[in-house]
Amino acid sequence: MRGALAYVRVPPHAPDELSLDAQREALAAYAAFKGLRLVDTYVDDDVPGGIPLVARPQGTKLVERLRKHDPKGAALLVTRLELLFSSAGECVNHEREWREHGHELHVLDVAGNPVSTGTLEGRFMISVFEVAQRMESQPAKDRAHPAPAHDRPKLGERVIRGFVVPDPDELRAVERIQELARAGKSLRLIAEALDDEGVPTKRRANGWSKEAIRLILRRIEGGEVPDLQKRGGAAEDGTPV
């Protein structure tokens, strides 16, 4: 039985059909139908599509694994092509390299049908129609932008291999700090409240400190909070994310 690797990218504000569980279920069912042994699944959660595969935490590991010698080759499974690649050029380059190493790319949904690069038809469709039509038309909210070399990310953002992406955990912490400060809470009481509520710190330290709160409030006063409306997102309760 041929081994298979699966890749899942959950975009920010993903619809139900692109949720982590939905993609895992679809990939597992496909592997079973094709008689493939699903060995590992690489998951990049809450990652915008504009980030190249090699700049994603799990995408990097997947690329490194597929570059190792494997005489049998592997089947790489993904639900949609635009979840794997950030551009048409990236798709063509990786697919060519993987094919030379004996790997096959299986895309479950290409215009509603599964396609494998093990066939001439599959390679043609993926490299021409699917790549050109769908990948370059990703919604703007699912894109990342390069971080300026001279600047640092704003509150509620983080840098992943040179790309600025949203940091939902930090943004929620910033919003909570603002709420407590408006209520007249002292730095010490704000830190204690965040610890009691289990709000994670930026670097997962043991707890919040007054100095950390003071620094964040200074950055808020300096306008270092991203424009949430431009990011086009809100949680189910209406809270911006």
Protein backbone atom coordinates (compact mmCIF):
# COMPACT_ATOMS: atom_id res chain seq x y z
CA MET A 1 0.00 0.00 0.00
CA ARG A 2 1.43 3.35 -1.05
CA GLY A 3 2.03 5.92 1.67
CA ALA A 4 0.32 9.30 1.59
CA LEU A 5 0.94 12.66 3.22
CA ALA A 6 -1.84 15.18 3.68
CA TYR A 7 -1.64 18.96 3.94
CA VAL A 8 -4.28 21.18 5.53
CA ARG A 9 -4.29 24.97 5.59
CA VAL A 10 -7.13 26.63 7.44
CA PRO A 11 -7.46 30.22 6.19
CA PRO A 12 -8.44 33.07 8.52
CA HIS A 13 -12.25 33.28 8.73
CA ALA A 14 -12.53 29.90 6.98
CA PRO A 15 -16.01 28.71 5.93
CA ASP A 16 -17.29 25.44 7.36
CA GLU A 17 -16.19 23.40 4.36
CA LEU A 18 -12.58 24.51 4.92
CA SER A 19 -12.51 23.94 8.66
CA LEU A 20 -9.80 21.70 10.11
CA ASP A 21 -12.20 18.84 10.84
CA ALA A 22 -13.90 19.04 7.43
CA GLN A 23 -10.59 18.91 5.55
CA ARG A 24 -9.22 16.07 7.70
CA GLU A 25 -12.36 14.03 7.13
CA ALA A 26 -12.33 14.57 3.36
CA LEU A 27 -8.64 13.68 3.05
CA ALA A 28 -8.99 10.53 5.17
CA ALA A 29 -11.98 9.38 3.12
CA TYR A 30 -10.13 9.98 -0.14
CA ALA A 31 -7.07 8.05 1.07
CA ALA A 32 -9.24 5.09 2.07
CA PHE A 33 -11.07 5.14 -1.28
CA LYS A 34 -7.78 5.19 -3.20
CA GLY A 35 -6.21 2.48 -1.06
CA LEU A 36 -3.55 4.85 0.29
CA ARG A 37 -2.00 4.61 3.76
CA LEU A 38 -2.25 8.06 5.33
CA VAL A 39 1.05 8.43 7.19
CA ASP A 40 1.10 12.07 8.36
CA THR A 41 -0.99 15.23 8.11
CA TYR A 42 0.64 18.67 8.17
CA VAL A 43 -1.64 21.44 9.45
CA ASP A 44 -1.16 25.20 9.16
CA ASP A 45 -4.03 26.78 11.07
CA ASP A 46 -5.12 30.42 10.63
CA VAL A 47 -2.50 31.06 7.94
CA PRO A 48 -3.26 33.41 4.99
CA GLY A 49 -2.85 32.07 1.49
CA GLY A 50 -0.41 34.77 0.42
CA ILE A 51 2.37 33.18 2.48
CA PRO A 52 4.54 30.80 0.40
CA LEU A 53 4.46 27.15 1.40
CA VAL A 54 8.08 27.21 2.57
CA ALA A 55 7.33 30.18 4.84
CA ARG A 56 4.60 28.37 6.77
CA PRO A 57 5.49 26.45 9.96
CA GLN A 58 4.22 23.05 8.77
CA GLY A 59 4.60 23.80 5.08
CA THR A 60 8.35 24.06 5.60
CA LYS A 61 8.44 20.61 7.21
CA LEU A 62 6.36 19.14 4.40
CA VAL A 63 8.68 20.51 1.69
CA GLU A 64 11.76 19.21 3.54
CA ARG A 65 10.21 15.77 3.85
CA LEU A 66 9.32 15.58 0.17
CA ARG A 67 12.91 16.46 -0.74
CA LYS A 68 14.25 13.38 1.03
CA HIS A 69 14.91 10.31 -1.08
CA ASP A 70 11.97 7.92 -1.19
CA PRO A 71 12.21 5.11 -3.76
CA LYS A 72 8.46 4.47 -3.63
CA GLY A 73 7.45 8.11 -3.77
CA ALA A 74 4.51 9.49 -1.84
CA ALA A 75 1.03 10.70 -2.63
CA LEU A 76 0.46 14.24 -1.37
CA LEU A 77 -3.20 14.97 -0.66
CA VAL A 78 -4.82 18.39 -0.42
CA THR A 79 -8.47 19.41 -0.65
CA ARG A 80 -7.95 22.48 -2.86
CA LEU A 81 -4.92 23.69 -4.78
CA GLU A 82 -5.04 27.26 -3.45
CA LEU A 83 -4.75 25.92 0.10
CA LEU A 84 -1.35 24.45 -0.75
CA PHE A 85 0.26 27.15 -2.91
CA SER A 86 0.37 30.95 -2.84
CA SER A 87 0.85 31.50 -6.59
CA ALA A 88 0.80 29.78 -9.96
CA GLY A 89 4.58 29.91 -10.22
CA GLU A 90 5.02 28.28 -6.84
CA CYS A 91 2.65 25.50 -7.84
CA VAL A 92 4.47 24.75 -11.08
CA ASN A 93 7.93 24.74 -9.46
CA HIS A 94 7.00 22.49 -6.52
CA GLU A 95 4.93 20.10 -8.62
CA ARG A 96 7.79 19.67 -11.08
CA GLU A 97 10.29 18.95 -8.29
CA TRP A 98 7.98 16.50 -6.54
CA ARG A 99 7.22 14.67 -9.79
CA GLU A 100 10.97 14.26 -10.40
CA HIS A 101 11.21 12.63 -6.96
CA GLY A 102 8.39 10.23 -7.78
CA HIS A 103 5.70 11.99 -5.74
CA GLU A 104 2.14 12.54 -6.94
CA LEU A 105 -0.09 15.45 -6.00
CA HIS A 106 -3.76 14.62 -5.46
CA VAL A 107 -6.23 17.54 -5.34
CA LEU A 108 -9.68 16.55 -4.16
CA ASP A 109 -11.54 19.50 -5.64
CA VAL A 110 -10.60 20.88 -9.05
CA ALA A 111 -13.82 22.36 -10.43
CA GLY A 112 -15.66 19.79 -8.33
CA ASN A 113 -13.59 16.76 -9.37
CA PRO A 114 -10.49 15.03 -7.95
CA VAL A 115 -7.31 15.31 -10.03
CA SER A 116 -3.96 13.57 -9.74
CA THR A 117 -0.70 14.73 -11.31
CA GLY A 118 0.00 11.10 -12.10
CA THR A 119 -2.00 11.65 -15.27
CA LEU A 120 -1.32 13.96 -18.20
CA GLU A 121 -4.78 15.43 -17.86
CA GLY A 122 -4.21 16.19 -14.20
CA ARG A 123 -0.89 17.96 -14.77
CA PHE A 124 -2.36 20.00 -17.59
CA MET A 125 -5.40 21.10 -15.63
CA ILE A 126 -3.43 21.95 -12.49
CA SER A 127 -0.66 23.89 -14.21
CA VAL A 128 -2.92 25.85 -16.56
CA PHE A 129 -6.58 26.15 -15.64
CA GLU A 130 -6.77 25.59 -11.90
CA VAL A 131 -3.67 27.58 -11.02
CA ALA A 132 -4.43 30.58 -13.23
CA GLN A 133 -8.13 30.78 -12.47
CA ARG A 134 -8.40 30.22 -8.74
CA MET A 135 -5.08 30.94 -7.07
CA GLU A 136 -4.67 34.51 -8.26
CA SER A 137 -8.24 35.41 -7.21
CA GLN A 138 -7.90 34.71 -3.49
CA PRO A 139 -9.94 37.12 -1.35
CA ALA A 140 -7.93 40.08 -0.09
CA LYS A 141 -8.65 39.16 3.55
CA ASP A 142 -6.82 35.85 3.00
CA ARG A 143 -3.58 37.55 2.01
CA ALA A 144 -0.47 38.42 3.97
CA HIS A 145 1.89 41.32 3.31
CA PRO A 146 5.69 41.42 3.69
CA ALA A 147 6.95 43.03 6.87
CA PRO A 148 8.99 46.22 6.25
CA ALA A 149 12.59 45.63 7.22
CA HIS A 150 12.67 48.84 9.30
CA ASP A 151 9.36 48.32 11.11
CA ARG A 152 7.86 45.99 13.67
CA PRO A 153 4.39 44.41 13.64
CA LYS A 154 1.57 46.29 15.30
CA LEU A 155 -0.27 44.99 18.33
CA GLY A 156 -2.34 42.02 17.24
CA GLU A 157 0.11 41.04 14.49
CA ARG A 158 3.10 38.74 14.22
CA VAL A 159 5.81 38.03 11.67
CA ILE A 160 6.17 34.56 10.16
CA ARG A 161 9.30 34.27 8.03
CA GLY A 162 9.09 37.85 6.85
CA PHE A 163 5.30 38.09 6.44
CA VAL A 164 2.98 40.04 8.73
CA VAL A 165 -0.05 37.95 9.72
CA PRO A 166 -2.83 38.44 12.31
CA ASP A 167 -2.25 37.28 15.91
CA PRO A 168 -5.78 36.71 17.28
CA ASP A 169 -4.62 35.79 20.81
CA GLU A 170 -2.61 39.00 21.22
CA LEU A 171 -5.39 41.11 19.74
CA ARG A 172 -7.92 39.72 22.23
CA ALA A 173 -5.49 40.44 25.06
CA VAL A 174 -5.06 44.03 23.84
CA GLU A 175 -8.83 44.52 23.69
CA ARG A 176 -9.20 43.17 27.24
CA ILE A 177 -6.45 45.47 28.52
CA GLN A 178 -8.22 48.43 26.94
CA GLU A 179 -11.49 47.45 28.61
CA LEU A 180 -9.91 47.14 32.05
CA ALA A 181 -7.96 50.39 31.65
CA ARG A 182 -11.14 52.27 30.69
CA ALA A 183 -12.75 50.85 33.83
CA GLY A 184 -10.02 52.53 35.89
CA LYS A 185 -8.13 49.39 36.88
CA SER A 186 -4.50 49.79 37.94
CA LEU A 187 -1.64 48.07 36.12
CA ARG A 188 -1.43 45.46 38.89
CA LEU A 189 -5.15 44.73 38.82
CA ILE A 190 -5.16 44.45 35.02
CA ALA A 191 -2.28 41.95 35.16
CA GLU A 192 -4.05 39.93 37.86
CA ALA A 193 -7.30 39.93 35.87
CA LEU A 194 -5.58 38.65 32.74
CA ASP A 195 -3.88 35.88 34.71
CA ASP A 196 -7.16 34.90 36.38
CA GLU A 197 -8.92 34.77 33.00
CA GLY A 198 -6.15 32.65 31.49
CA VAL A 199 -5.24 35.20 28.81
CA PRO A 200 -1.92 34.04 27.26
CA THR A 201 1.06 36.40 27.20
CA LYS A 202 2.97 37.23 24.02
CA ARG A 203 5.76 34.72 24.66
CA ARG A 204 3.79 32.37 26.93
CA ALA A 205 5.53 33.66 30.06
CA ASN A 206 4.45 32.57 33.54
CA GLY A 207 2.15 35.55 33.93
CA TRP A 208 1.40 39.16 33.13
CA SER A 209 3.52 41.93 34.67
CA LYS A 210 2.79 45.59 35.28
CA GLU A 211 5.58 46.56 32.90
CA ALA A 212 4.09 44.46 30.10
CA ILE A 213 0.72 46.16 30.62
CA ARG A 214 2.36 49.59 30.72
CA LEU A 215 4.19 48.94 27.43
CA ILE A 216 1.05 47.76 25.66
CA LEU A 217 -0.93 50.79 26.85
CA ARG A 218 1.82 53.07 25.55
CA ARG A 219 1.72 51.34 22.17
CA ILE A 220 -2.08 51.67 22.10
CA GLU A 221 -1.76 55.39 22.81
CA GLY A 222 0.76 55.59 19.96
CA GLY A 223 -1.76 54.12 17.53
CA GLU A 224 -0.04 50.75 17.12
CA VAL A 225 -3.27 48.80 16.68
CA PRO A 226 -4.21 47.55 13.17
CA ASP A 227 -7.38 48.72 11.46
CA LEU A 228 -9.64 45.74 12.12
CA GLN A 229 -12.28 46.76 9.60
CA LYS A 230 -9.75 46.63 6.76
CA ARG A 231 -8.95 43.05 7.70
CA GLY A 232 -12.59 42.21 7.08
CA GLY A 233 -13.14 39.92 10.05
CA ALA A 234 -15.43 39.56 13.02
CA ALA A 235 -16.13 36.74 15.41
CA GLU A 236 -19.56 35.14 15.64
CA ASP A 237 -20.46 37.41 18.57
CA GLY A 238 -19.50 40.50 16.54
CA THR A 239 -16.16 41.03 18.25
CA PRO A 240 -13.45 41.96 15.68
CA VAL A 241 -10.77 39.32 15.26
